All heavy atoms as atom14 arrays in JSON, in Angstrom:
{
  "sequence": "QMNSLKPEDTAVYYCAADEDQLSSGIVARTASYDY",
  "atom14_mask": [
    [1, 1, 1, 1, 1, 1, 1, 1, 1, 0, 0, 0, 0, 0],
    [1, 1, 1, 1, 1, 1, 1, 1, 0, 0, 0, 0, 0, 0],
    [1, 1, 1, 1, 1, 1, 1, 1, 0, 0, 0, 0, 0, 0],
    [1, 1, 1, 1, 1, 1, 0, 0, 0, 0, 0, 0, 0, 0],
    [1, 1, 1, 1, 1, 1, 1, 1, 0, 0, 0, 0, 0, 0],
    [1, 1, 1, 1, 1, 1, 1, 1, 1, 0, 0, 0, 0, 0],
    [1, 1, 1, 1, 1, 1, 1, 0, 0, 0, 0, 0, 0, 0],
    [1, 1, 1, 1, 1, 1, 1, 1, 1, 0, 0, 0, 0, 0],
    [1, 1, 1, 1, 1, 1, 1, 1, 0, 0, 0, 0, 0, 0],
    [1, 1, 1, 1, 1, 1, 1, 0, 0, 0, 0, 0, 0, 0],
    [1, 1, 1, 1, 1, 0, 0, 0, 0, 0, 0, 0, 0, 0],
    [1, 1, 1, 1, 1, 1, 1, 0, 0, 0, 0, 0, 0, 0],
    [1, 1, 1, 1, 1, 1, 1, 1, 1, 1, 1, 1, 0, 0],
    [1, 1, 1, 1, 1, 1, 1, 1, 1, 1, 1, 1, 0, 0],
    [1, 1, 1, 1, 1, 1, 0, 0, 0, 0, 0, 0, 0, 0],
    [1, 1, 1, 1, 1, 0, 0, 0, 0, 0, 0, 0, 0, 0],
    [1, 1, 1, 1, 1, 0, 0, 0, 0, 0, 0, 0, 0, 0],
    [1, 1, 1, 1, 1, 1, 1, 1, 0, 0, 0, 0, 0, 0],
    [1, 1, 1, 1, 1, 1, 1, 1, 1, 0, 0, 0, 0, 0],
    [1, 1, 1, 1, 1, 1, 1, 1, 0, 0, 0, 0, 0, 0],
    [1, 1, 1, 1, 1, 1, 1, 1, 1, 0, 0, 0, 0, 0],
    [1, 1, 1, 1, 1, 1, 1, 1, 0, 0, 0, 0, 0, 0],
    [1, 1, 1, 1, 1, 1, 0, 0, 0, 0, 0, 0, 0, 0],
    [1, 1, 1, 1, 1, 1, 0, 0, 0, 0, 0, 0, 0, 0],
    [1, 1, 1, 1, 0, 0, 0, 0, 0, 0, 0, 0, 0, 0],
    [1, 1, 1, 1, 1, 1, 1, 1, 0, 0, 0, 0, 0, 0],
    [1, 1, 1, 1, 1, 1, 1, 0, 0, 0, 0, 0, 0, 0],
    [1, 1, 1, 1, 1, 0, 0, 0, 0, 0, 0, 0, 0, 0],
    [1, 1, 1, 1, 1, 1, 1, 1, 1, 1, 1, 0, 0, 0],
    [1, 1, 1, 1, 1, 1, 1, 0, 0, 0, 0, 0, 0, 0],
    [1, 1, 1, 1, 1, 0, 0, 0, 0, 0, 0, 0, 0, 0],
    [1, 1, 1, 1, 1, 1, 0, 0, 0, 0, 0, 0, 0, 0],
    [1, 1, 1, 1, 1, 1, 1, 1, 1, 1, 1, 1, 0, 0],
    [1, 1, 1, 1, 1, 1, 1, 1, 0, 0, 0, 0, 0, 0],
    [1, 1, 1, 1, 1, 1, 1, 1, 1, 1, 1, 1, 0, 0]
  ],
  "atom14_positions": [
    [[0.85, -1.18, 0.0], [0.0, 0.0, 0.0], [0.89, 1.23, 0.0], [1.71, 1.41, 0.9], [-0.91, 0.01, 1.23], [-1.81, 1.23, 1.32], [-2.82, 1.28, 0.21], [-3.43, 0.28, -0.15], [-3.04, 2.48, -0.34], [0.0, 0.0, 0.0], [0.0, 0.0, 0.0], [0.0, 0.0, 0.0], [0.0, 0.0, 0.0], [0.0, 0.0, 0.0]],
    [[0.72, 2.06, -1.02], [1.58, 3.23, -1.17], [0.73, 4.49, -1.07], [-0.16, 4.71, -1.9], [2.3, 3.18, -2.52], [3.08, 1.9, -2.74], [4.08, 1.93, -4.24], [2.82, 2.05, -5.49], [0.0, 0.0, 0.0], [0.0, 0.0, 0.0], [0.0, 0.0, 0.0], [0.0, 0.0, 0.0], [0.0, 0.0, 0.0], [0.0, 0.0, 0.0]],
    [[0.98, 5.28, -0.05], [0.25, 6.52, 0.17], [1.18, 7.73, 0.05], [2.41, 7.58, 0.09], [-0.4, 6.52, 1.56], [-1.39, 5.39, 1.74], [-2.08, 4.99, 0.8], [-1.48, 4.86, 2.95], [0.0, 0.0, 0.0], [0.0, 0.0, 0.0], [0.0, 0.0, 0.0], [0.0, 0.0, 0.0], [0.0, 0.0, 0.0], [0.0, 0.0, 0.0]],
    [[0.6, 8.89, -0.1], [1.38, 10.13, -0.19], [2.51, 10.0, -1.21], [3.66, 10.34, -0.95], [1.95, 10.5, 1.18], [0.94, 10.65, 2.14], [0.0, 0.0, 0.0], [0.0, 0.0, 0.0], [0.0, 0.0, 0.0], [0.0, 0.0, 0.0], [0.0, 0.0, 0.0], [0.0, 0.0, 0.0], [0.0, 0.0, 0.0], [0.0, 0.0, 0.0]],
    [[2.16, 9.52, -2.37], [3.17, 9.25, -3.4], [3.83, 10.53, -3.88], [3.19, 11.6, -3.95], [2.55, 8.5, -4.56], [2.32, 7.0, -4.27], [1.31, 6.42, -5.26], [3.64, 6.25, -4.35], [0.0, 0.0, 0.0], [0.0, 0.0, 0.0], [0.0, 0.0, 0.0], [0.0, 0.0, 0.0], [0.0, 0.0, 0.0], [0.0, 0.0, 0.0]],
    [[5.11, 10.4, -4.21], [5.91, 11.53, -4.69], [6.45, 11.2, -6.08], [6.59, 10.03, -6.42], [7.08, 11.76, -3.74], [6.7, 11.97, -2.29], [7.94, 12.06, -1.41], [7.57, 12.25, 0.05], [8.78, 12.33, 0.91], [0.0, 0.0, 0.0], [0.0, 0.0, 0.0], [0.0, 0.0, 0.0], [0.0, 0.0, 0.0], [0.0, 0.0, 0.0]],
    [[6.78, 12.21, -6.86], [7.36, 11.94, -8.19], [8.59, 11.04, -8.11], [8.82, 10.24, -9.02], [7.7, 13.34, -8.69], [6.7, 14.23, -8.04], [6.51, 13.65, -6.66], [0.0, 0.0, 0.0], [0.0, 0.0, 0.0], [0.0, 0.0, 0.0], [0.0, 0.0, 0.0], [0.0, 0.0, 0.0], [0.0, 0.0, 0.0], [0.0, 0.0, 0.0]],
    [[9.36, 11.15, -7.05], [10.56, 10.31, -6.91], [10.25, 8.85, -6.62], [11.15, 8.01, -6.6], [11.5, 10.87, -5.84], [10.83, 11.16, -4.51], [10.45, 12.63, -4.36], [9.9, 13.2, -5.33], [10.67, 13.18, -3.26], [0.0, 0.0, 0.0], [0.0, 0.0, 0.0], [0.0, 0.0, 0.0], [0.0, 0.0, 0.0], [0.0, 0.0, 0.0]],
    [[8.99, 8.52, -6.41], [8.58, 7.11, -6.26], [8.37, 6.45, -7.62], [8.14, 5.24, -7.69], [7.29, 7.01, -5.45], [7.45, 7.45, -4.01], [8.48, 7.1, -3.39], [6.55, 8.14, -3.49], [0.0, 0.0, 0.0], [0.0, 0.0, 0.0], [0.0, 0.0, 0.0], [0.0, 0.0, 0.0], [0.0, 0.0, 0.0], [0.0, 0.0, 0.0]],
    [[8.46, 7.22, -8.68], [8.29, 6.69, -10.03], [9.37, 5.65, -10.32], [10.56, 5.92, -10.19], [8.35, 7.81, -11.07], [7.23, 8.68, -10.87], [8.31, 7.24, -12.48], [0.0, 0.0, 0.0], [0.0, 0.0, 0.0], [0.0, 0.0, 0.0], [0.0, 0.0, 0.0], [0.0, 0.0, 0.0], [0.0, 0.0, 0.0], [0.0, 0.0, 0.0]],
    [[8.93, 4.45, -10.7], [9.86, 3.35, -10.95], [9.06, 2.12, -11.39], [7.84, 2.1, -11.3], [10.66, 3.01, -9.69], [0.0, 0.0, 0.0], [0.0, 0.0, 0.0], [0.0, 0.0, 0.0], [0.0, 0.0, 0.0], [0.0, 0.0, 0.0], [0.0, 0.0, 0.0], [0.0, 0.0, 0.0], [0.0, 0.0, 0.0], [0.0, 0.0, 0.0]],
    [[9.8, 1.11, -11.83], [9.22, -0.22, -11.98], [9.36, -0.92, -10.63], [10.47, -0.97, -10.07], [9.9, -1.02, -13.09], [9.31, -2.43, -13.17], [9.76, -0.3, -14.43], [0.0, 0.0, 0.0], [0.0, 0.0, 0.0], [0.0, 0.0, 0.0], [0.0, 0.0, 0.0], [0.0, 0.0, 0.0], [0.0, 0.0, 0.0], [0.0, 0.0, 0.0]],
    [[8.27, -1.45, -10.13], [8.26, -2.13, -8.83], [8.26, -3.64, -9.02], [7.45, -4.16, -9.79], [7.05, -1.68, -8.02], [7.23, -0.3, -7.41], [7.24, 0.83, -8.22], [7.43, -0.14, -6.05], [7.44, 2.09, -7.68], [7.62, 1.11, -5.49], [7.63, 2.22, -6.31], [7.83, 3.48, -5.78], [0.0, 0.0, 0.0], [0.0, 0.0, 0.0]],
    [[9.15, -4.29, -8.3], [9.33, -5.74, -8.43], [9.03, -6.43, -7.1], [9.43, -5.95, -6.03], [10.76, -6.08, -8.83], [11.17, -5.55, -10.17], [11.76, -4.29, -10.29], [10.98, -6.3, -11.32], [12.16, -3.81, -11.52], [11.37, -5.82, -12.56], [11.96, -4.57, -12.65], [12.35, -4.1, -13.87], [0.0, 0.0, 0.0], [0.0, 0.0, 0.0]],
    [[8.42, -7.58, -7.21], [8.19, -8.47, -6.08], [9.3, -9.52, -6.08], [9.75, -9.95, -7.15], [6.82, -9.11, -6.25], [6.39, -10.37, -5.07], [0.0, 0.0, 0.0], [0.0, 0.0, 0.0], [0.0, 0.0, 0.0], [0.0, 0.0, 0.0], [0.0, 0.0, 0.0], [0.0, 0.0, 0.0], [0.0, 0.0, 0.0], [0.0, 0.0, 0.0]],
    [[9.74, -9.92, -4.9], [10.8, -10.92, -4.79], [10.52, -11.87, -3.64], [9.85, -11.5, -2.67], [12.14, -10.23, -4.59], [0.0, 0.0, 0.0], [0.0, 0.0, 0.0], [0.0, 0.0, 0.0], [0.0, 0.0, 0.0], [0.0, 0.0, 0.0], [0.0, 0.0, 0.0], [0.0, 0.0, 0.0], [0.0, 0.0, 0.0], [0.0, 0.0, 0.0]],
    [[11.06, -13.09, -3.76], [10.83, -14.11, -2.73], [12.11, -14.87, -2.45], [12.93, -15.11, -3.35], [9.75, -15.09, -3.2], [0.0, 0.0, 0.0], [0.0, 0.0, 0.0], [0.0, 0.0, 0.0], [0.0, 0.0, 0.0], [0.0, 0.0, 0.0], [0.0, 0.0, 0.0], [0.0, 0.0, 0.0], [0.0, 0.0, 0.0], [0.0, 0.0, 0.0]],
    [[12.27, -15.22, -1.17], [13.4, -16.05, -0.79], [13.0, -16.98, 0.34], [12.29, -16.57, 1.26], [14.59, -15.19, -0.35], [15.84, -16.02, -0.22], [16.47, -16.31, -1.26], [16.17, -16.42, 0.91], [0.0, 0.0, 0.0], [0.0, 0.0, 0.0], [0.0, 0.0, 0.0], [0.0, 0.0, 0.0], [0.0, 0.0, 0.0], [0.0, 0.0, 0.0]],
    [[13.51, -18.2, 0.29], [13.1, -19.2, 1.27], [13.77, -19.02, 2.62], [13.32, -19.56, 3.63], [13.4, -20.61, 0.72], [12.65, -21.71, 1.45], [12.74, -23.04, 0.73], [13.49, -23.15, -0.26], [12.04, -23.96, 1.15], [0.0, 0.0, 0.0], [0.0, 0.0, 0.0], [0.0, 0.0, 0.0], [0.0, 0.0, 0.0], [0.0, 0.0, 0.0]],
    [[14.84, -18.24, 2.68], [15.53, -18.02, 3.95], [14.77, -17.01, 4.8], [14.04, -16.17, 4.28], [16.94, -17.51, 3.71], [17.83, -18.57, 3.08], [17.56, -19.77, 3.3], [18.78, -18.19, 2.37], [0.0, 0.0, 0.0], [0.0, 0.0, 0.0], [0.0, 0.0, 0.0], [0.0, 0.0, 0.0], [0.0, 0.0, 0.0], [0.0, 0.0, 0.0]],
    [[14.99, -17.09, 6.1], [14.46, -16.07, 7.01], [15.48, -14.95, 7.05], [16.48, -15.03, 7.74], [14.26, -16.65, 8.41], [13.66, -15.68, 9.41], [12.21, -15.37, 9.12], [11.85, -14.75, 8.12], [11.34, -15.81, 10.01], [0.0, 0.0, 0.0], [0.0, 0.0, 0.0], [0.0, 0.0, 0.0], [0.0, 0.0, 0.0], [0.0, 0.0, 0.0]],
    [[15.23, -13.9, 6.29], [16.21, -12.85, 6.13], [16.17, -11.86, 7.29], [15.11, -11.4, 7.69], [15.96, -12.11, 4.81], [15.96, -13.0, 3.55], [15.68, -12.16, 2.32], [17.29, -13.72, 3.41], [0.0, 0.0, 0.0], [0.0, 0.0, 0.0], [0.0, 0.0, 0.0], [0.0, 0.0, 0.0], [0.0, 0.0, 0.0], [0.0, 0.0, 0.0]],
    [[17.33, -11.53, 7.79], [17.41, -10.58, 8.88], [17.35, -9.16, 8.33], [17.42, -8.93, 7.13], [18.71, -10.79, 9.66], [19.81, -10.53, 8.82], [0.0, 0.0, 0.0], [0.0, 0.0, 0.0], [0.0, 0.0, 0.0], [0.0, 0.0, 0.0], [0.0, 0.0, 0.0], [0.0, 0.0, 0.0], [0.0, 0.0, 0.0], [0.0, 0.0, 0.0]],
    [[17.29, -8.21, 9.23], [17.11, -6.82, 8.81], [18.26, -6.34, 7.95], [18.09, -5.49, 7.09], [16.97, -5.92, 10.03], [18.12, -6.01, 10.85], [0.0, 0.0, 0.0], [0.0, 0.0, 0.0], [0.0, 0.0, 0.0], [0.0, 0.0, 0.0], [0.0, 0.0, 0.0], [0.0, 0.0, 0.0], [0.0, 0.0, 0.0], [0.0, 0.0, 0.0]],
    [[19.45, -6.87, 8.17], [20.58, -6.42, 7.39], [20.66, -7.04, 6.01], [21.37, -6.54, 5.14], [0.0, 0.0, 0.0], [0.0, 0.0, 0.0], [0.0, 0.0, 0.0], [0.0, 0.0, 0.0], [0.0, 0.0, 0.0], [0.0, 0.0, 0.0], [0.0, 0.0, 0.0], [0.0, 0.0, 0.0], [0.0, 0.0, 0.0], [0.0, 0.0, 0.0]],
    [[19.93, -8.11, 5.8], [20.03, -8.87, 4.56], [18.79, -8.73, 3.7], [18.85, -8.86, 2.48], [20.31, -10.34, 4.88], [21.64, -10.44, 5.65], [20.35, -11.21, 3.64], [22.0, -11.83, 6.09], [0.0, 0.0, 0.0], [0.0, 0.0, 0.0], [0.0, 0.0, 0.0], [0.0, 0.0, 0.0], [0.0, 0.0, 0.0], [0.0, 0.0, 0.0]],
    [[17.66, -8.43, 4.31], [16.39, -8.38, 3.58], [16.42, -7.32, 2.47], [15.68, -7.41, 1.5], [15.22, -8.13, 4.55], [15.27, -6.71, 5.12], [13.89, -8.43, 3.9], [0.0, 0.0, 0.0], [0.0, 0.0, 0.0], [0.0, 0.0, 0.0], [0.0, 0.0, 0.0], [0.0, 0.0, 0.0], [0.0, 0.0, 0.0], [0.0, 0.0, 0.0]],
    [[17.27, -6.32, 2.62], [17.32, -5.23, 1.65], [18.25, -5.49, 0.47], [18.34, -4.66, -0.43], [17.74, -3.94, 2.35], [0.0, 0.0, 0.0], [0.0, 0.0, 0.0], [0.0, 0.0, 0.0], [0.0, 0.0, 0.0], [0.0, 0.0, 0.0], [0.0, 0.0, 0.0], [0.0, 0.0, 0.0], [0.0, 0.0, 0.0], [0.0, 0.0, 0.0]],
    [[18.92, -6.59, 0.47], [19.88, -6.88, -0.6], [19.19, -7.63, -1.73], [18.58, -8.67, -1.51], [21.02, -7.72, -0.06], [21.81, -7.06, 1.06], [22.89, -7.99, 1.57], [23.58, -7.45, 2.75], [24.5, -8.11, 3.45], [24.84, -9.33, 3.08], [25.06, -7.54, 4.51], [0.0, 0.0, 0.0], [0.0, 0.0, 0.0], [0.0, 0.0, 0.0]],
    [[19.37, -7.18, -2.96], [18.76, -7.85, -4.1], [19.31, -9.27, -4.24], [18.59, -10.18, -4.63], [19.0, -7.08, -5.4], [20.41, -6.89, -5.57], [18.33, -5.72, -5.35], [0.0, 0.0, 0.0], [0.0, 0.0, 0.0], [0.0, 0.0, 0.0], [0.0, 0.0, 0.0], [0.0, 0.0, 0.0], [0.0, 0.0, 0.0], [0.0, 0.0, 0.0]],
    [[20.58, -9.45, -3.91], [21.21, -10.76, -4.06], [20.65, -11.8, -3.09], [20.91, -13.0, -3.23], [22.72, -10.64, -3.86], [0.0, 0.0, 0.0], [0.0, 0.0, 0.0], [0.0, 0.0, 0.0], [0.0, 0.0, 0.0], [0.0, 0.0, 0.0], [0.0, 0.0, 0.0], [0.0, 0.0, 0.0], [0.0, 0.0, 0.0], [0.0, 0.0, 0.0]],
    [[19.89, -11.34, -2.08], [19.34, -12.27, -1.1], [18.15, -13.07, -1.65], [17.76, -14.07, -1.06], [18.88, -11.51, 0.15], [19.96, -10.86, 0.76], [0.0, 0.0, 0.0], [0.0, 0.0, 0.0], [0.0, 0.0, 0.0], [0.0, 0.0, 0.0], [0.0, 0.0, 0.0], [0.0, 0.0, 0.0], [0.0, 0.0, 0.0], [0.0, 0.0, 0.0]],
    [[17.58, -12.63, -2.74], [16.33, -13.2, -3.23], [16.56, -14.12, -4.42], [17.31, -13.8, -5.34], [15.35, -12.09, -3.61], [14.91, -11.3, -2.4], [15.69, -10.28, -1.9], [13.71, -11.6, -1.75], [15.3, -9.57, -0.77], [13.31, -10.89, -0.64], [14.11, -9.87, -0.14], [13.72, -9.17, 0.97], [0.0, 0.0, 0.0], [0.0, 0.0, 0.0]],
    [[15.87, -15.24, -4.4], [16.01, -16.23, -5.46], [15.03, -16.02, -6.61], [15.3, -16.41, -7.74], [15.79, -17.64, -4.89], [16.93, -18.06, -3.98], [18.07, -17.61, -4.2], [16.68, -18.85, -3.06], [0.0, 0.0, 0.0], [0.0, 0.0, 0.0], [0.0, 0.0, 0.0], [0.0, 0.0, 0.0], [0.0, 0.0, 0.0], [0.0, 0.0, 0.0]],
    [[13.88, -15.44, -6.31], [12.83, -15.35, -7.32], [12.32, -13.91, -7.45], [12.18, -13.21, -6.45], [11.65, -16.26, -6.95], [12.06, -17.7, -6.77], [12.21, -18.24, -5.49], [12.32, -18.5, -7.87], [12.6, -19.56, -5.33], [12.72, -19.82, -7.71], [12.86, -20.33, -6.44], [13.26, -21.64, -6.29], [0.0, 0.0, 0.0], [0.0, 0.0, 0.0]]
  ]
}
């Protein structure tokens, strides 16, 4: 859910999934996700 959208939010948005339980430091890394 995206509210108060700004022009800088313009982008292609991607969904990703990974089977590991990612910690806060790793969840933000693109390389952490398999799908």
